[in-house]
Amino acid sequence: MAVKVDIILYILEAGEWHGAAFWVVVCGAAALALAALAGVACWLAKRRSALAHKLGGKRGPDKALVFQPPRRATAVRSPGSATHYLRKSPSPTAPAPAPAPPAAASPQPASAPAPPQLPSSGATSPHSPTAPEPAPLSKELADATATEKIKPIDSDTSEGKLGDLHFKLRYENEKSALVVSVVSCQGLPGREPAGPDPYVKLQLLPDKQHKVKTRVVRKTRCPVYDEDFTFYGLAPHQLSAITLHFVVLSFDRYSRDEIIGEVVAPLSALQLQSGEAMALCREVQPRSLKMLRVGRGEVLVSLCWQPAAARLTVVLLKARNLPKMDVTGLADPYVKMYLLYNGQRIAKKKTHVKKRTLNPVFNESFVFELPAAAAQAALDHVALELLVLDWDRVTKNEVIGRLELGANGAGSARHHWREVQAAPRRQIADWHKLKE
């Protein structure tokens, strides 16, 4: 028993020594853990400070990390006069801005004269009124102010006229260039209650290679453009053979642009001096008068109806005696066809463009698939609409004439359609005059 007690005492003594060493180790580990936690806390504090700096605003170390509310949206200002390629023309029918009320001035002696008020620097048009106006903020506002100034038109003298076109010419020998400045139009006809949306298309004849156009000015009968177009590579001896061809059109967003008139200005009758600008004014002439005199031409069409296949074959052979669409006496015609069922267009086709001819030969065949109900009704509710157009690279193509073949047609068109109904599976051709 005494031995056992000694052993227990030895173990207890040994356990006490090992217990003291254990606590030393534990305290050291705790110190290391606290140091690590302190390091992590310092890193988190720095990260929070950097994030707060990015969000904007300096915060104290004791403030919480909160997100700032979104800033209020502010309007973006236009870049000003640097944007020469963007000129927005406001409507002249809009009410004019009221002049700014005069500021209350301090009392002055009666003998002191009032300082003169200068006119607007942006009104470059010769037709603008001479009344003093506040200076515009930018060139775009100046152009808009000049555009809105409309010259009063006498209804008695403007009846039956299409207005005038003002332009300038200048030739530069050093650059072998012809500069054409489209200034303005005056007294254009009012096609709409608020006025047309006019623009001017210009090309050099007889080559028809240089084609340009002005911007569209909204809702005005007296647009102001002041746009310069420079044509390079023209020697002085070539000017006499060049003719300026202006076409005044009214822009339409949803349909084809309407032609108001044209101006033809041959340079052979002008004496252009190098470096000197020549101001000219020409009356806009109607373009439809020549079509009334010579007609719109004729077209040869062949039709074949196949009831079993519910198919209508259209062969556009040729056209003849088309009107001259430019001063050179030529045109670039092509034909567009629409298949109508109960008055609605259900299919369309078109031919290739035939360049520089008034008697084009197409020889192109087109097949239209008809609805089953239309085939059973023997083409009574079917019609074929043909449009002969003059192709143009710059602007929308102009319609030369129209033709509608169907049971509800008139004259030769109705007779031709009846023959096709009475003789199915046969090609029947006939000439038809184009209409407006």
Protein backbone atom coordinates (compact mmCIF):
# COMPACT_ATOMS: atom_id res chain seq x y z
CA MET A 1 0.00 0.00 0.00
CA ALA A 2 2.85 2.38 0.80
CA VAL A 3 4.35 1.78 -2.67
CA LYS A 4 1.08 2.56 -4.34
CA VAL A 5 0.74 5.84 -2.47
CA ASP A 6 4.25 6.84 -3.46
CA ILE A 7 3.46 6.12 -7.09
CA ILE A 8 0.30 8.20 -6.91
CA LEU A 9 2.16 11.09 -5.32
CA TYR A 10 4.82 10.86 -8.03
CA ILE A 11 2.15 10.94 -10.71
CA LEU A 12 0.48 13.89 -9.08
CA GLU A 13 3.78 15.71 -8.82
CA ALA A 14 4.53 14.91 -12.46
CA GLY A 15 1.02 16.04 -13.47
CA GLU A 16 1.49 19.37 -11.76
CA TRP A 17 4.74 19.98 -13.65
CA HIS A 18 3.13 19.01 -16.97
CA GLY A 19 0.09 21.15 -16.16
CA ALA A 20 2.19 24.29 -15.71
CA ALA A 21 3.98 23.73 -19.03
CA PHE A 22 0.63 23.15 -20.73
CA TRP A 23 -0.75 26.47 -19.53
CA VAL A 24 2.35 28.25 -20.76
CA VAL A 25 1.76 26.78 -24.21
CA VAL A 26 -1.92 27.71 -24.10
CA CYS A 27 -1.14 31.29 -23.17
CA GLY A 28 1.35 31.57 -26.02
CA ALA A 29 -1.16 30.21 -28.52
CA ALA A 30 -3.77 32.66 -27.28
CA ALA A 31 -1.33 35.53 -27.73
CA LEU A 32 -0.63 34.46 -31.30
CA ALA A 33 -4.38 34.19 -32.00
CA LEU A 34 -4.96 37.68 -30.64
CA ALA A 35 -2.15 39.03 -32.80
CA ALA A 36 -3.71 37.39 -35.87
CA LEU A 37 -7.11 38.81 -35.04
CA ALA A 38 -5.59 42.25 -34.63
CA GLY A 39 -3.95 41.95 -38.04
CA VAL A 40 -7.23 40.90 -39.66
CA ALA A 41 -9.02 43.81 -37.99
CA CYS A 42 -6.43 46.27 -39.28
CA TRP A 43 -6.78 44.87 -42.82
CA LEU A 44 -10.59 45.14 -42.64
CA ALA A 45 -10.33 48.73 -41.42
CA LYS A 46 -8.07 49.70 -44.32
CA ARG A 47 -10.37 47.95 -46.81
CA ARG A 48 -13.39 49.76 -45.42
CA SER A 49 -11.60 53.09 -45.63
CA ALA A 50 -10.66 52.47 -49.28
CA LEU A 51 -14.23 51.47 -50.15
CA ALA A 52 -15.61 54.58 -48.46
CA HIS A 53 -13.20 56.72 -50.45
CA LYS A 54 -14.42 55.17 -53.72
CA LEU A 55 -18.06 55.81 -52.84
CA GLY A 56 -17.24 59.44 -52.19
CA GLY A 57 -17.08 61.38 -49.02
CA LYS A 58 -14.65 61.04 -46.16
CA ARG A 59 -15.84 59.29 -43.06
CA GLY A 60 -14.41 59.04 -39.62
CA PRO A 61 -13.18 55.72 -38.29
CA ASP A 62 -16.22 55.40 -36.08
CA LYS A 63 -18.86 56.01 -38.75
CA ALA A 64 -20.76 53.11 -40.24
CA LEU A 65 -20.31 52.07 -43.88
CA VAL A 66 -23.47 53.30 -45.58
CA PHE A 67 -24.27 53.84 -49.26
CA GLN A 68 -25.03 57.34 -50.41
CA PRO A 69 -28.40 57.94 -52.13
CA PRO A 70 -28.28 58.22 -55.96
CA ARG A 71 -27.61 61.68 -57.34
CA ARG A 72 -30.37 63.62 -59.04
CA ALA A 73 -30.34 63.37 -62.82
CA THR A 74 -29.27 66.53 -64.63
CA ALA A 75 -29.86 67.56 -68.23
CA VAL A 76 -27.05 67.17 -70.74
CA ARG A 77 -26.15 70.33 -72.58
CA SER A 78 -25.60 70.35 -76.33
CA PRO A 79 -21.97 70.70 -77.41
CA GLY A 80 -22.71 74.11 -78.92
CA SER A 81 -21.40 75.44 -82.18
CA ALA A 82 -18.87 72.63 -82.60
CA THR A 83 -21.59 70.34 -84.02
CA HIS A 84 -21.79 71.87 -87.48
CA TYR A 85 -23.24 68.68 -88.91
CA LEU A 86 -26.44 68.89 -86.85
CA ARG A 87 -28.85 71.72 -87.55
CA LYS A 88 -32.34 71.28 -86.25
CA SER A 89 -34.79 73.67 -87.87
CA PRO A 90 -37.85 74.40 -85.71
CA SER A 91 -41.29 74.91 -87.19
CA PRO A 92 -42.02 78.46 -88.34
CA THR A 93 -45.65 78.03 -87.25
CA ALA A 94 -44.63 77.82 -83.60
CA PRO A 95 -45.19 81.00 -81.58
CA ALA A 96 -42.17 83.28 -81.60
CA PRO A 97 -40.42 83.64 -78.25
CA ALA A 98 -41.40 86.77 -76.39
CA PRO A 99 -38.64 89.38 -76.12
CA ALA A 100 -36.99 89.63 -72.74
CA PRO A 101 -38.39 92.47 -70.59
CA PRO A 102 -36.01 95.39 -70.19
CA ALA A 103 -34.07 95.32 -66.96
CA ALA A 104 -34.67 98.06 -64.45
CA ALA A 105 -31.91 100.54 -65.16
CA SER A 106 -30.55 103.04 -62.75
CA PRO A 107 -31.62 106.65 -63.35
CA GLN A 108 -29.45 108.35 -65.93
CA PRO A 109 -29.27 111.88 -67.22
CA ALA A 110 -31.82 112.70 -69.88
CA SER A 111 -29.12 113.69 -72.33
CA ALA A 112 -27.43 110.27 -72.30
CA PRO A 113 -28.34 108.40 -75.55
CA ALA A 114 -29.43 104.77 -75.42
CA PRO A 115 -26.76 102.30 -76.57
CA PRO A 116 -27.45 100.89 -80.06
CA GLN A 117 -28.67 97.28 -80.23
CA LEU A 118 -26.91 95.09 -82.77
CA PRO A 119 -28.86 92.58 -84.89
CA SER A 120 -28.49 88.86 -84.47
CA SER A 121 -25.16 87.52 -85.73
CA GLY A 122 -26.63 84.22 -86.87
CA ALA A 123 -29.20 85.63 -89.32
CA THR A 124 -27.25 85.21 -92.53
CA SER A 125 -30.28 85.21 -94.82
CA PRO A 126 -30.83 88.34 -96.95
CA HIS A 127 -34.58 87.97 -96.38
CA SER A 128 -34.45 88.24 -92.62
CA PRO A 129 -36.10 91.30 -91.05
CA THR A 130 -33.95 94.16 -89.86
CA ALA A 131 -35.64 94.52 -86.47
CA PRO A 132 -33.15 94.14 -83.59
CA GLU A 133 -33.18 90.79 -81.88
CA PRO A 134 -31.28 89.19 -79.03
CA ALA A 135 -28.11 87.42 -80.11
CA PRO A 136 -28.52 83.61 -80.30
CA LEU A 137 -26.55 81.34 -78.03
CA SER A 138 -25.07 79.20 -80.81
CA LYS A 139 -24.87 78.80 -84.56
CA GLU A 140 -27.68 76.22 -84.52
CA LEU A 141 -30.01 78.72 -82.84
CA ALA A 142 -28.95 81.34 -85.36
CA ASP A 143 -29.82 79.03 -88.26
CA ALA A 144 -33.14 78.19 -86.65
CA THR A 145 -33.93 81.90 -86.18
CA ALA A 146 -33.08 82.63 -89.79
CA THR A 147 -35.18 79.68 -90.95
CA GLU A 148 -38.25 80.81 -89.06
CA LYS A 149 -38.25 84.26 -90.66
CA ILE A 150 -40.82 84.08 -93.43
CA LYS A 151 -41.23 86.77 -96.00
CA PRO A 152 -44.86 87.79 -96.48
CA ILE A 153 -46.28 86.54 -99.76
CA ASP A 154 -48.87 88.33 -101.82
CA SER A 155 -51.67 85.90 -102.59
CA ASP A 156 -52.57 87.70 -105.82
CA THR A 157 -49.11 87.49 -107.34
CA SER A 158 -48.23 84.00 -106.02
CA GLU A 159 -51.32 82.29 -107.45
CA GLY A 160 -50.28 79.70 -110.01
CA LYS A 161 -46.56 80.06 -109.21
CA LEU A 162 -44.25 77.63 -107.48
CA GLY A 163 -41.89 80.17 -105.92
CA ASP A 164 -38.29 81.21 -106.53
CA LEU A 165 -34.92 79.61 -105.89
CA HIS A 166 -32.00 81.78 -104.75
CA PHE A 167 -28.48 80.46 -105.25
CA LYS A 168 -24.90 81.67 -105.79
CA LEU A 169 -22.11 80.52 -108.10
CA ARG A 170 -18.35 80.91 -107.70
CA TYR A 171 -15.48 79.38 -109.66
CA GLU A 172 -11.98 78.95 -108.21
CA ASN A 173 -9.21 78.63 -110.78
CA GLU A 174 -6.58 77.47 -108.28
CA LYS A 175 -8.65 74.43 -107.27
CA SER A 176 -10.51 73.94 -110.59
CA ALA A 177 -13.68 73.84 -108.52
CA LEU A 178 -17.20 75.17 -108.94
CA VAL A 179 -18.90 76.25 -105.71
CA VAL A 180 -22.72 76.29 -105.75
CA SER A 181 -24.42 77.87 -102.74
CA VAL A 182 -28.10 77.05 -102.27
CA VAL A 183 -29.31 80.08 -100.33
CA SER A 184 -33.08 79.82 -99.95
CA CYS A 185 -36.47 79.32 -101.55
CA GLN A 186 -39.27 81.89 -101.48
CA GLY A 187 -43.00 81.51 -102.03
CA LEU A 188 -43.25 77.72 -102.29
CA PRO A 189 -46.83 76.45 -102.58
CA GLY A 190 -48.49 75.29 -99.38
CA ARG A 191 -49.23 71.64 -100.03
CA GLU A 192 -50.27 71.10 -96.41
CA PRO A 193 -52.04 73.29 -93.85
CA ALA A 194 -48.80 73.81 -91.95
CA GLY A 195 -46.62 74.09 -95.06
CA PRO A 196 -44.33 71.63 -96.88
CA ASP A 197 -41.03 70.13 -95.68
CA PRO A 198 -38.86 71.30 -98.59
CA TYR A 199 -35.35 70.37 -99.62
CA VAL A 200 -33.36 70.90 -102.83
CA LYS A 201 -31.60 68.26 -104.92
CA LEU A 202 -28.81 69.35 -107.27
CA GLN A 203 -26.98 67.52 -110.03
CA LEU A 204 -24.65 68.49 -112.86
CA LEU A 205 -25.76 67.68 -116.38
CA PRO A 206 -25.16 66.03 -118.77
CA ASP A 207 -22.99 63.53 -116.85
CA LYS A 208 -25.38 63.15 -113.87
CA GLN A 209 -22.43 61.94 -111.79
CA HIS A 210 -22.36 64.69 -109.13
CA LYS A 211 -25.58 64.57 -107.09
CA VAL A 212 -26.07 66.38 -103.80
CA LYS A 213 -28.99 67.59 -101.71
CA THR A 214 -29.67 70.02 -98.89
CA ARG A 215 -31.13 69.31 -95.49
CA VAL A 216 -34.89 69.25 -94.94
CA VAL A 217 -36.44 72.35 -93.38
CA ARG A 218 -39.68 71.56 -91.58
CA LYS A 219 -43.03 73.22 -92.14
CA THR A 220 -42.16 76.36 -94.08
CA ARG A 221 -42.79 77.90 -97.48
CA CYS A 222 -39.64 80.04 -97.37
CA PRO A 223 -36.78 77.75 -96.25
CA VAL A 224 -33.28 79.13 -95.71
CA TYR A 225 -30.41 76.70 -96.38
CA ASP A 226 -27.12 78.62 -96.90
CA GLU A 227 -25.32 75.42 -97.87
CA ASP A 228 -22.26 75.28 -100.14
CA PHE A 229 -21.48 72.42 -102.53
CA THR A 230 -18.05 72.23 -104.18
CA PHE A 231 -17.51 70.28 -107.42
CA TYR A 232 -13.84 69.62 -108.15
CA GLY A 233 -12.10 68.68 -111.36
CA LEU A 234 -13.90 71.15 -113.65
CA ALA A 235 -11.67 73.01 -116.07
CA PRO A 236 -12.70 76.52 -117.20
CA HIS A 237 -13.40 75.36 -120.74
CA GLN A 238 -15.83 72.71 -119.41
CA LEU A 239 -18.15 75.17 -117.69
CA SER A 240 -19.99 76.13 -120.87
CA ALA A 241 -21.17 72.54 -121.34
CA ILE A 242 -22.47 72.14 -117.76
CA THR A 243 -26.07 72.71 -116.73
CA LEU A 244 -27.24 72.97 -113.12
CA HIS A 245 -30.41 71.00 -112.48
CA PHE A 246 -32.23 71.85 -109.23
CA VAL A 247 -35.26 69.87 -108.08
CA VAL A 248 -37.33 71.20 -105.18
CA LEU A 249 -39.08 68.42 -103.25
CA SER A 250 -41.25 68.10 -100.15
CA PHE A 251 -40.16 65.37 -97.75
CA ASP A 252 -42.75 62.81 -96.67
CA ARG A 253 -41.86 60.36 -93.90
CA TYR A 254 -44.53 57.79 -94.73
CA SER A 255 -44.80 57.92 -98.54
CA ARG A 256 -42.93 59.07 -101.61
CA ASP A 257 -41.51 62.60 -101.60
CA GLU A 258 -43.55 65.08 -103.62
CA ILE A 259 -41.85 67.04 -106.39
CA ILE A 260 -42.71 70.74 -106.20
CA GLY A 261 -40.79 71.86 -109.28
CA GLU A 262 -37.40 72.24 -110.90
CA VAL A 263 -34.92 74.88 -112.02
CA VAL A 264 -32.57 74.49 -114.98
CA ALA A 265 -29.60 76.88 -115.13
CA PRO A 266 -27.13 76.39 -117.99
CA LEU A 267 -23.69 77.89 -117.32
CA SER A 268 -23.14 78.75 -120.98
CA ALA A 269 -25.16 81.94 -120.55
CA LEU A 270 -23.19 83.09 -117.50
CA GLN A 271 -19.83 84.80 -117.23
CA LEU A 272 -18.21 83.45 -114.08
CA GLN A 273 -15.20 85.41 -112.84
CA SER A 274 -12.60 83.63 -110.77
CA GLY A 275 -13.17 84.14 -107.06
CA GLU A 276 -16.27 86.32 -107.46
CA ALA A 277 -19.65 85.08 -106.32
CA MET A 278 -22.64 85.59 -108.63
CA ALA A 279 -26.07 85.72 -106.98
CA LEU A 280 -28.92 84.36 -109.10
CA CYS A 281 -32.66 83.91 -108.71
CA ARG A 282 -34.72 81.57 -110.86
CA GLU A 283 -38.42 80.78 -110.84
CA VAL A 284 -39.35 77.21 -109.98
CA GLN A 285 -41.04 75.57 -112.96
CA PRO A 286 -43.60 72.75 -112.73
CA ARG A 287 -42.29 69.37 -113.77
CA SER A 288 -45.62 67.86 -114.77
CA LEU A 289 -46.28 70.22 -117.68
CA LYS A 290 -44.00 68.33 -120.03
CA MET A 291 -45.81 65.10 -119.13
CA LEU A 292 -49.11 66.73 -119.99
CA ARG A 293 -47.76 67.79 -123.37
CA VAL A 294 -46.03 64.56 -124.43
CA GLY A 295 -47.92 62.03 -122.28
CA ARG A 296 -46.53 59.46 -119.89
CA GLY A 297 -45.86 56.73 -122.43
CA GLU A 298 -47.16 53.21 -122.99
CA VAL A 299 -46.30 49.74 -121.73
CA LEU A 300 -46.73 46.32 -123.40
CA VAL A 301 -47.92 43.63 -120.96
CA SER A 302 -48.76 39.96 -121.57
CA LEU A 303 -51.01 38.02 -119.17
CA CYS A 304 -51.78 34.32 -118.77
CA TRP A 305 -54.22 32.84 -116.24
CA GLN A 306 -53.97 29.19 -115.22
CA PRO A 307 -57.10 28.22 -113.20
CA ALA A 308 -55.94 24.68 -112.30
CA ALA A 309 -52.69 25.92 -110.76
CA ALA A 310 -54.25 29.16 -109.38
CA ARG A 311 -51.45 31.10 -111.02
CA LEU A 312 -51.19 34.37 -112.97
CA THR A 313 -48.17 34.85 -115.23
CA VAL A 314 -47.20 38.42 -116.14
CA VAL A 315 -44.66 39.13 -118.87
CA LEU A 316 -43.51 42.73 -119.05
CA LEU A 317 -42.22 43.11 -122.58
CA LYS A 318 -41.30 46.76 -123.14
CA ALA A 319 -42.34 50.41 -122.88
CA ARG A 320 -42.23 53.30 -125.32
CA ASN A 321 -42.46 57.08 -125.49
CA LEU A 322 -41.66 57.62 -121.83
CA PRO A 323 -41.30 61.29 -120.82
CA LYS A 324 -37.90 62.90 -120.41
CA MET A 325 -37.04 62.99 -116.73
CA ASP A 326 -34.04 65.31 -117.00
CA VAL A 327 -32.55 67.88 -119.32
CA THR A 328 -30.44 65.29 -121.12
CA GLY A 329 -33.67 63.83 -122.51
CA LEU A 330 -33.22 60.42 -120.89
CA ALA A 331 -34.58 58.37 -117.99
CA ASP A 332 -33.67 55.30 -115.92
CA PRO A 333 -36.98 53.41 -115.90
CA TYR A 334 -38.05 50.23 -114.15
CA VAL A 335 -41.44 48.70 -113.34
CA LYS A 336 -42.86 47.68 -109.99
CA MET A 337 -45.92 45.39 -109.89
CA TYR A 338 -48.44 44.69 -107.12
CA LEU A 339 -51.04 41.91 -107.01
CA LEU A 340 -54.24 43.11 -105.34
CA TYR A 341 -56.95 40.91 -103.82
CA ASN A 342 -60.10 42.67 -102.61
CA GLY A 343 -58.21 45.95 -102.84
CA GLN A 344 -55.26 44.82 -100.69
CA ARG A 345 -51.73 44.20 -101.91
CA ILE A 346 -50.72 40.59 -101.32
CA ALA A 347 -47.59 40.28 -103.53
CA LYS A 348 -45.10 42.48 -105.35
CA LYS A 349 -42.43 42.14 -108.04
CA LYS A 350 -40.13 44.51 -109.91
CA THR A 351 -37.94 44.53 -113.01
CA HIS A 352 -34.34 45.57 -113.49
CA VAL A 353 -33.43 49.21 -114.13
CA LYS A 354 -32.80 50.16 -117.75
CA LYS A 355 -30.31 53.03 -117.83
CA ARG A 356 -30.66 56.11 -120.05
CA THR A 357 -33.50 55.17 -122.34
CA LEU A 358 -37.05 56.26 -123.11
CA ASN A 359 -37.97 53.01 -124.86
CA PRO A 360 -36.81 50.24 -122.51
CA VAL A 361 -37.05 46.55 -123.38
CA PHE A 362 -37.52 44.36 -120.30
CA ASN A 363 -38.67 40.88 -121.46
CA GLU A 364 -39.07 39.70 -117.86
CA SER A 365 -41.62 37.15 -116.65
CA PHE A 366 -43.21 37.00 -113.19
CA VAL A 367 -45.52 34.41 -111.62
CA PHE A 368 -48.10 35.31 -108.96
CA GLU A 369 -49.69 32.61 -106.83
CA LEU A 370 -53.40 33.40 -106.38
CA PRO A 371 -55.55 32.53 -103.36
CA ALA A 372 -57.90 29.58 -103.82
CA ALA A 373 -60.97 31.79 -103.48
CA ALA A 374 -59.64 34.12 -106.19
CA ALA A 375 -59.13 31.25 -108.61
CA GLN A 376 -62.69 30.02 -108.06
CA ALA A 377 -64.07 33.53 -108.65
CA ALA A 378 -62.34 33.72 -112.06
CA LEU A 379 -60.20 36.78 -111.21
CA ASP A 380 -63.21 38.95 -110.37
CA HIS A 381 -61.65 40.16 -107.12
CA VAL A 382 -58.06 40.26 -108.39
CA ALA A 383 -56.28 43.24 -109.94
CA LEU A 384 -52.75 44.02 -111.09
CA GLU A 385 -51.17 47.43 -110.44
CA LEU A 386 -48.11 48.55 -112.41
CA LEU A 387 -45.90 51.54 -111.55
CA VAL A 388 -43.26 52.80 -113.95
CA LEU A 389 -40.60 54.69 -112.01
CA ASP A 390 -37.46 56.67 -112.78
CA TRP A 391 -34.53 55.39 -110.71
CA ASP A 392 -32.47 57.95 -108.80
CA ARG A 393 -29.33 57.30 -106.76
CA VAL A 394 -29.72 60.18 -104.28
CA THR A 395 -33.42 60.66 -103.54
CA LYS A 396 -36.56 58.58 -103.75
CA ASN A 397 -37.48 57.33 -107.20
CA GLU A 398 -40.08 59.34 -109.09
CA VAL A 399 -43.25 57.76 -110.49
CA ILE A 400 -43.57 58.21 -114.25
CA GLY A 401 -46.99 56.60 -114.66
CA ARG A 402 -49.45 54.04 -113.34
CA LEU A 403 -51.58 51.28 -114.78
CA GLU A 404 -54.22 49.10 -113.13
CA LEU A 405 -55.50 45.95 -114.83
CA GLY A 406 -58.62 44.36 -113.39
CA ALA A 407 -62.32 43.70 -113.72
CA ASN A 408 -63.09 47.15 -112.33
CA GLY A 409 -60.75 48.94 -114.71
CA ALA A 410 -61.68 51.13 -117.66
CA GLY A 411 -60.93 51.19 -121.35
CA SER A 412 -58.24 48.93 -122.75
CA ALA A 413 -57.25 47.70 -119.28
CA ARG A 414 -60.69 46.26 -118.60
CA HIS A 415 -60.96 44.79 -122.12
CA HIS A 416 -57.57 43.08 -121.75
CA TRP A 417 -58.55 41.61 -118.37
CA ARG A 418 -61.82 40.24 -119.80
CA GLU A 419 -59.94 38.55 -122.63
CA VAL A 420 -57.61 36.86 -120.13
CA GLN A 421 -60.60 35.61 -118.12
CA ALA A 422 -62.33 34.27 -121.22
CA ALA A 423 -59.23 32.48 -122.59
CA PRO A 424 -57.35 30.74 -119.77
CA ARG A 425 -53.88 29.21 -120.39
CA ARG A 426 -53.22 31.64 -123.24
CA GLN A 427 -50.73 34.49 -123.35
CA ILE A 428 -52.56 37.69 -124.36
CA ALA A 429 -50.54 40.89 -124.83
CA ASP A 430 -51.72 44.48 -125.26
CA TRP A 431 -50.45 48.06 -125.14
CA HIS A 432 -51.70 50.33 -122.36
CA LYS A 433 -51.24 54.05 -121.78
CA LEU A 434 -49.82 55.11 -118.47
CA LYS A 435 -51.83 57.49 -116.31
CA GLU A 436 -50.99 59.86 -113.50
